[in-house]
Amino acid sequence: MDPLFYKIVHLAGLMTLFTGLAVLLIQGKDGPLRKQALIFHGIGLFLLLLGGFGLLAKLKLSYTAGWVFLKLGIWLFFGASVVLAKKGILKGITGWALCIALGVVAAWAGLVKPF
């Protein structure tokens, strides 16, 4: 498949993940849309992983590069963010700002490939 397909899948995953996170962080742990937000969160994580590794394979990039591990670490944080939000560790504007900052770092690492 074309690398553009994997980029679109990766970006769709990013948008889906952040939509789910926004709903979770805004409405809190007992909101009426919790189940839908968790579904969006999970689908977003899956699409990010699928698009990211699809791009690595298609562009013949190394799976052991440092920037790949950085992005995987950020992906793991986003995976754990649901639990952190439920326990009240990640909440409100502070949690949202942290998620945006980590998203920017992941984008930077993917574009620049610094190490």
N, C-alpha and C. Protein backbone atom coordinates (compact mmCIF):
# COMPACT_ATOMS: atom_id res chain seq x y z
N MET A 1 0.83 -1.19 0.00
CA MET A 1 0.00 0.00 0.00
C MET A 1 0.87 1.25 0.00
N ASP A 2 0.26 2.32 -0.37
CA ASP A 2 0.93 3.61 -0.45
C ASP A 2 1.22 4.14 0.96
N PRO A 3 2.40 4.73 1.19
CA PRO A 3 2.69 5.31 2.51
C PRO A 3 1.67 6.37 2.94
N LEU A 4 1.07 7.05 1.98
CA LEU A 4 0.06 8.05 2.30
C LEU A 4 -1.13 7.41 3.04
N PHE A 5 -1.48 6.18 2.67
CA PHE A 5 -2.57 5.47 3.36
C PHE A 5 -2.24 5.31 4.83
N TYR A 6 -1.00 4.90 5.13
CA TYR A 6 -0.61 4.70 6.53
C TYR A 6 -0.54 6.03 7.29
N LYS A 7 -0.15 7.09 6.61
CA LYS A 7 -0.15 8.41 7.26
C LYS A 7 -1.56 8.84 7.62
N ILE A 8 -2.50 8.60 6.72
CA ILE A 8 -3.89 8.95 6.99
C ILE A 8 -4.45 8.12 8.13
N VAL A 9 -4.14 6.83 8.15
CA VAL A 9 -4.58 5.96 9.25
C VAL A 9 -3.99 6.46 10.57
N HIS A 10 -2.71 6.83 10.55
CA HIS A 10 -2.03 7.32 11.75
C HIS A 10 -2.70 8.61 12.24
N LEU A 11 -2.98 9.53 11.35
CA LEU A 11 -3.63 10.79 11.73
C LEU A 11 -5.07 10.57 12.18
N ALA A 12 -5.77 9.65 11.55
CA ALA A 12 -7.13 9.33 11.99
C ALA A 12 -7.10 8.76 13.41
N GLY A 13 -6.10 7.94 13.70
CA GLY A 13 -5.94 7.41 15.05
C GLY A 13 -5.67 8.50 16.05
N LEU A 14 -4.85 9.47 15.66
CA LEU A 14 -4.54 10.59 16.54
C LEU A 14 -5.80 11.39 16.87
N MET A 15 -6.57 11.70 15.85
CA MET A 15 -7.80 12.47 16.08
C MET A 15 -8.80 11.69 16.93
N THR A 16 -8.92 10.40 16.68
CA THR A 16 -9.85 9.57 17.44
C THR A 16 -9.41 9.45 18.90
N LEU A 17 -8.12 9.24 19.11
CA LEU A 17 -7.58 9.14 20.47
C LEU A 17 -7.83 10.43 21.24
N PHE A 18 -7.51 11.57 20.64
CA PHE A 18 -7.67 12.84 21.33
C PHE A 18 -9.14 13.19 21.57
N THR A 19 -10.02 12.76 20.69
CA THR A 19 -11.45 12.96 20.92
C THR A 19 -11.89 12.20 22.16
N GLY A 20 -11.50 10.93 22.24
CA GLY A 20 -11.84 10.13 23.42
C GLY A 20 -11.25 10.70 24.69
N LEU A 21 -9.99 11.13 24.64
CA LEU A 21 -9.36 11.71 25.82
C LEU A 21 -10.03 13.00 26.25
N ALA A 22 -10.40 13.82 25.29
CA ALA A 22 -11.05 15.09 25.62
C ALA A 22 -12.36 14.85 26.35
N VAL A 23 -13.15 13.91 25.87
CA VAL A 23 -14.42 13.61 26.53
C VAL A 23 -14.17 13.08 27.93
N LEU A 24 -13.21 12.18 28.09
CA LEU A 24 -12.92 11.64 29.41
C LEU A 24 -12.44 12.71 30.38
N LEU A 25 -11.58 13.60 29.93
CA LEU A 25 -11.03 14.61 30.81
C LEU A 25 -12.03 15.72 31.12
N ILE A 26 -12.93 16.01 30.20
CA ILE A 26 -13.91 17.08 30.42
C ILE A 26 -15.03 16.62 31.33
N GLN A 27 -15.58 15.43 31.07
CA GLN A 27 -16.75 15.00 31.83
C GLN A 27 -16.41 14.26 33.11
N GLY A 28 -15.16 13.88 33.29
CA GLY A 28 -14.79 13.16 34.51
C GLY A 28 -15.02 11.67 34.39
N LYS A 29 -14.77 10.97 35.49
CA LYS A 29 -14.78 9.51 35.43
C LYS A 29 -16.17 8.89 35.42
N ASP A 30 -17.20 9.64 35.77
CA ASP A 30 -18.55 9.08 35.83
C ASP A 30 -19.50 9.73 34.85
N GLY A 31 -18.99 10.29 33.77
CA GLY A 31 -19.84 10.99 32.82
C GLY A 31 -20.68 10.04 31.98
N PRO A 32 -21.73 10.59 31.36
CA PRO A 32 -22.65 9.76 30.58
C PRO A 32 -22.05 9.20 29.29
N LEU A 33 -20.99 9.79 28.80
CA LEU A 33 -20.38 9.33 27.55
C LEU A 33 -19.09 8.55 27.78
N ARG A 34 -18.90 8.06 28.98
CA ARG A 34 -17.66 7.35 29.33
C ARG A 34 -17.41 6.15 28.43
N LYS A 35 -18.43 5.34 28.20
CA LYS A 35 -18.25 4.13 27.39
C LYS A 35 -17.84 4.49 25.95
N GLN A 36 -18.50 5.47 25.38
CA GLN A 36 -18.17 5.88 24.01
C GLN A 36 -16.76 6.48 23.95
N ALA A 37 -16.39 7.24 24.98
CA ALA A 37 -15.05 7.83 25.01
C ALA A 37 -13.98 6.74 25.11
N LEU A 38 -14.24 5.71 25.90
CA LEU A 38 -13.29 4.60 26.01
C LEU A 38 -13.15 3.85 24.69
N ILE A 39 -14.26 3.70 23.98
CA ILE A 39 -14.22 3.04 22.67
C ILE A 39 -13.38 3.87 21.70
N PHE A 40 -13.61 5.19 21.67
CA PHE A 40 -12.82 6.06 20.81
C PHE A 40 -11.34 6.00 21.18
N HIS A 41 -11.06 5.99 22.46
CA HIS A 41 -9.68 5.92 22.94
C HIS A 41 -9.00 4.65 22.43
N GLY A 42 -9.66 3.52 22.59
CA GLY A 42 -9.09 2.24 22.16
C GLY A 42 -8.90 2.16 20.65
N ILE A 43 -9.89 2.59 19.90
CA ILE A 43 -9.78 2.58 18.44
C ILE A 43 -8.65 3.49 17.99
N GLY A 44 -8.54 4.66 18.63
CA GLY A 44 -7.47 5.59 18.30
C GLY A 44 -6.09 5.00 18.55
N LEU A 45 -5.93 4.33 19.69
CA LEU A 45 -4.64 3.69 19.99
C LEU A 45 -4.30 2.63 18.95
N PHE A 46 -5.30 1.83 18.57
CA PHE A 46 -5.07 0.80 17.57
C PHE A 46 -4.66 1.40 16.22
N LEU A 47 -5.38 2.43 15.79
CA LEU A 47 -5.07 3.04 14.50
C LEU A 47 -3.70 3.71 14.50
N LEU A 48 -3.34 4.33 15.62
CA LEU A 48 -1.99 4.92 15.72
C LEU A 48 -0.91 3.86 15.55
N LEU A 49 -1.08 2.74 16.23
CA LEU A 49 -0.09 1.67 16.15
C LEU A 49 -0.05 1.07 14.74
N LEU A 50 -1.22 0.82 14.16
CA LEU A 50 -1.29 0.26 12.81
C LEU A 50 -0.65 1.19 11.79
N GLY A 51 -1.00 2.47 11.83
CA GLY A 51 -0.43 3.42 10.88
C GLY A 51 1.05 3.63 11.09
N GLY A 52 1.49 3.71 12.35
CA GLY A 52 2.90 3.92 12.64
C GLY A 52 3.79 2.78 12.19
N PHE A 53 3.41 1.57 12.56
CA PHE A 53 4.23 0.42 12.15
C PHE A 53 4.10 0.12 10.67
N GLY A 54 2.92 0.44 10.09
CA GLY A 54 2.78 0.30 8.64
C GLY A 54 3.72 1.24 7.90
N LEU A 55 3.84 2.45 8.41
CA LEU A 55 4.77 3.41 7.80
C LEU A 55 6.22 2.97 7.96
N LEU A 56 6.56 2.49 9.15
CA LEU A 56 7.93 2.01 9.36
C LEU A 56 8.28 0.91 8.36
N ALA A 57 7.36 -0.02 8.17
CA ALA A 57 7.62 -1.13 7.25
C ALA A 57 7.68 -0.64 5.80
N LYS A 58 6.74 0.21 5.43
CA LYS A 58 6.67 0.66 4.05
C LYS A 58 7.87 1.52 3.66
N LEU A 59 8.33 2.36 4.59
CA LEU A 59 9.46 3.23 4.30
C LEU A 59 10.80 2.56 4.62
N LYS A 60 10.74 1.32 5.08
CA LYS A 60 11.94 0.54 5.42
C LYS A 60 12.82 1.27 6.45
N LEU A 61 12.18 1.79 7.50
CA LEU A 61 12.90 2.45 8.58
C LEU A 61 13.18 1.46 9.69
N SER A 62 14.17 1.75 10.50
CA SER A 62 14.58 0.85 11.57
C SER A 62 13.57 0.87 12.71
N TYR A 63 13.23 -0.34 13.18
CA TYR A 63 12.33 -0.46 14.33
C TYR A 63 13.06 -0.18 15.64
N THR A 64 14.37 -0.12 15.61
CA THR A 64 15.15 0.04 16.84
C THR A 64 15.72 1.44 17.01
N ALA A 65 15.27 2.38 16.20
CA ALA A 65 15.74 3.76 16.33
C ALA A 65 15.20 4.36 17.63
N GLY A 66 15.94 5.29 18.20
CA GLY A 66 15.55 5.89 19.47
C GLY A 66 14.23 6.63 19.41
N TRP A 67 13.96 7.31 18.30
CA TRP A 67 12.71 8.06 18.18
C TRP A 67 11.51 7.13 18.15
N VAL A 68 11.68 5.90 17.66
CA VAL A 68 10.58 4.92 17.66
C VAL A 68 10.24 4.54 19.10
N PHE A 69 11.26 4.33 19.92
CA PHE A 69 11.02 3.99 21.33
C PHE A 69 10.40 5.16 22.08
N LEU A 70 10.79 6.39 21.73
CA LEU A 70 10.17 7.56 22.35
C LEU A 70 8.68 7.60 22.02
N LYS A 71 8.36 7.39 20.75
CA LYS A 71 6.96 7.39 20.35
C LYS A 71 6.18 6.24 20.98
N LEU A 72 6.81 5.09 21.13
CA LEU A 72 6.14 3.97 21.80
C LEU A 72 5.90 4.27 23.28
N GLY A 73 6.84 4.94 23.91
CA GLY A 73 6.66 5.34 25.31
C GLY A 73 5.50 6.31 25.46
N ILE A 74 5.40 7.25 24.55
CA ILE A 74 4.28 8.19 24.58
C ILE A 74 2.97 7.46 24.31
N TRP A 75 3.00 6.50 23.39
CA TRP A 75 1.82 5.69 23.10
C TRP A 75 1.38 4.92 24.35
N LEU A 76 2.34 4.37 25.08
CA LEU A 76 2.02 3.66 26.32
C LEU A 76 1.42 4.61 27.36
N PHE A 77 1.95 5.83 27.44
CA PHE A 77 1.36 6.82 28.35
C PHE A 77 -0.09 7.08 27.98
N PHE A 78 -0.35 7.27 26.69
CA PHE A 78 -1.73 7.52 26.26
C PHE A 78 -2.62 6.31 26.54
N GLY A 79 -2.06 5.11 26.44
CA GLY A 79 -2.82 3.93 26.80
C GLY A 79 -3.18 3.91 28.28
N ALA A 80 -2.24 4.34 29.11
CA ALA A 80 -2.46 4.36 30.56
C ALA A 80 -3.25 5.58 31.00
N SER A 81 -3.43 6.54 30.13
CA SER A 81 -4.09 7.79 30.52
C SER A 81 -5.51 7.58 30.99
N VAL A 82 -6.16 6.53 30.51
CA VAL A 82 -7.52 6.23 30.95
C VAL A 82 -7.53 5.90 32.44
N VAL A 83 -6.58 5.06 32.85
CA VAL A 83 -6.48 4.70 34.26
C VAL A 83 -6.08 5.91 35.09
N LEU A 84 -5.15 6.69 34.58
CA LEU A 84 -4.72 7.90 35.30
C LEU A 84 -5.87 8.89 35.46
N ALA A 85 -6.71 9.01 34.45
CA ALA A 85 -7.87 9.90 34.53
C ALA A 85 -8.89 9.35 35.52
N LYS A 86 -9.09 8.05 35.51
CA LYS A 86 -10.07 7.44 36.42
C LYS A 86 -9.65 7.60 37.88
N LYS A 87 -8.36 7.51 38.15
CA LYS A 87 -7.86 7.66 39.52
C LYS A 87 -7.71 9.12 39.93
N GLY A 88 -7.97 10.04 39.00
CA GLY A 88 -7.90 11.46 39.33
C GLY A 88 -6.50 12.05 39.25
N ILE A 89 -5.54 11.28 38.77
CA ILE A 89 -4.17 11.79 38.63
C ILE A 89 -4.07 12.73 37.44
N LEU A 90 -4.76 12.37 36.38
CA LEU A 90 -4.76 13.16 35.14
C LEU A 90 -6.16 13.75 35.00
N LYS A 91 -6.29 15.06 35.19
CA LYS A 91 -7.63 15.64 35.11
C LYS A 91 -7.57 17.09 34.64
N GLY A 92 -8.68 17.52 34.11
CA GLY A 92 -8.87 18.91 33.75
C GLY A 92 -7.88 19.46 32.74
N ILE A 93 -7.66 20.74 32.85
CA ILE A 93 -6.82 21.46 31.90
C ILE A 93 -5.36 21.04 32.00
N THR A 94 -4.92 20.67 33.20
CA THR A 94 -3.53 20.23 33.37
C THR A 94 -3.30 18.93 32.62
N GLY A 95 -4.21 17.99 32.76
CA GLY A 95 -4.11 16.72 32.04
C GLY A 95 -4.18 16.92 30.54
N TRP A 96 -5.07 17.79 30.12
CA TRP A 96 -5.21 18.05 28.70
C TRP A 96 -3.95 18.70 28.14
N ALA A 97 -3.36 19.65 28.87
CA ALA A 97 -2.13 20.31 28.43
C ALA A 97 -0.98 19.30 28.33
N LEU A 98 -0.90 18.38 29.30
CA LEU A 98 0.14 17.34 29.24
C LEU A 98 -0.04 16.46 28.02
N CYS A 99 -1.28 16.08 27.73
CA CYS A 99 -1.54 15.23 26.56
C CYS A 99 -1.18 15.95 25.26
N ILE A 100 -1.52 17.22 25.17
CA ILE A 100 -1.17 17.99 23.97
C ILE A 100 0.34 18.11 23.84
N ALA A 101 1.03 18.38 24.94
CA ALA A 101 2.49 18.51 24.91
C ALA A 101 3.13 17.20 24.46
N LEU A 102 2.66 16.08 24.97
CA LEU A 102 3.23 14.79 24.56
C LEU A 102 2.89 14.48 23.11
N GLY A 103 1.72 14.90 22.65
CA GLY A 103 1.38 14.74 21.23
C GLY A 103 2.32 15.54 20.34
N VAL A 104 2.66 16.74 20.78
CA VAL A 104 3.61 17.58 20.02
C VAL A 104 4.99 16.93 20.01
N VAL A 105 5.43 16.39 21.13
CA VAL A 105 6.73 15.71 21.19
C VAL A 105 6.74 14.51 20.25
N ALA A 106 5.65 13.74 20.24
CA ALA A 106 5.56 12.58 19.35
C ALA A 106 5.61 13.02 17.89
N ALA A 107 4.90 14.10 17.55
CA ALA A 107 4.92 14.60 16.18
C ALA A 107 6.33 15.06 15.79
N TRP A 108 6.97 15.78 16.70
CA TRP A 108 8.34 16.24 16.46
C TRP A 108 9.27 15.04 16.21
N ALA A 109 9.17 14.03 17.07
CA ALA A 109 10.05 12.86 16.94
C ALA A 109 9.81 12.15 15.61
N GLY A 110 8.56 12.05 15.20
CA GLY A 110 8.26 11.38 13.93
C GLY A 110 8.70 12.15 12.71
N LEU A 111 8.65 13.48 12.80
CA LEU A 111 9.03 14.30 11.66
C LEU A 111 10.52 14.52 11.55
N VAL A 112 11.17 14.77 12.69
CA VAL A 112 12.59 15.11 12.71
C VAL A 112 13.47 13.87 12.79
N LYS A 113 12.99 12.82 13.46
CA LYS A 113 13.76 11.58 13.69
C LYS A 113 15.15 11.92 14.26
N PRO A 114 15.17 12.54 15.45
CA PRO A 114 16.42 13.09 15.98
C PRO A 114 17.46 12.06 16.41
N PHE A 115 17.05 10.88 16.75
CA PHE A 115 18.02 9.87 17.22
C PHE A 115 17.53 8.49 16.91
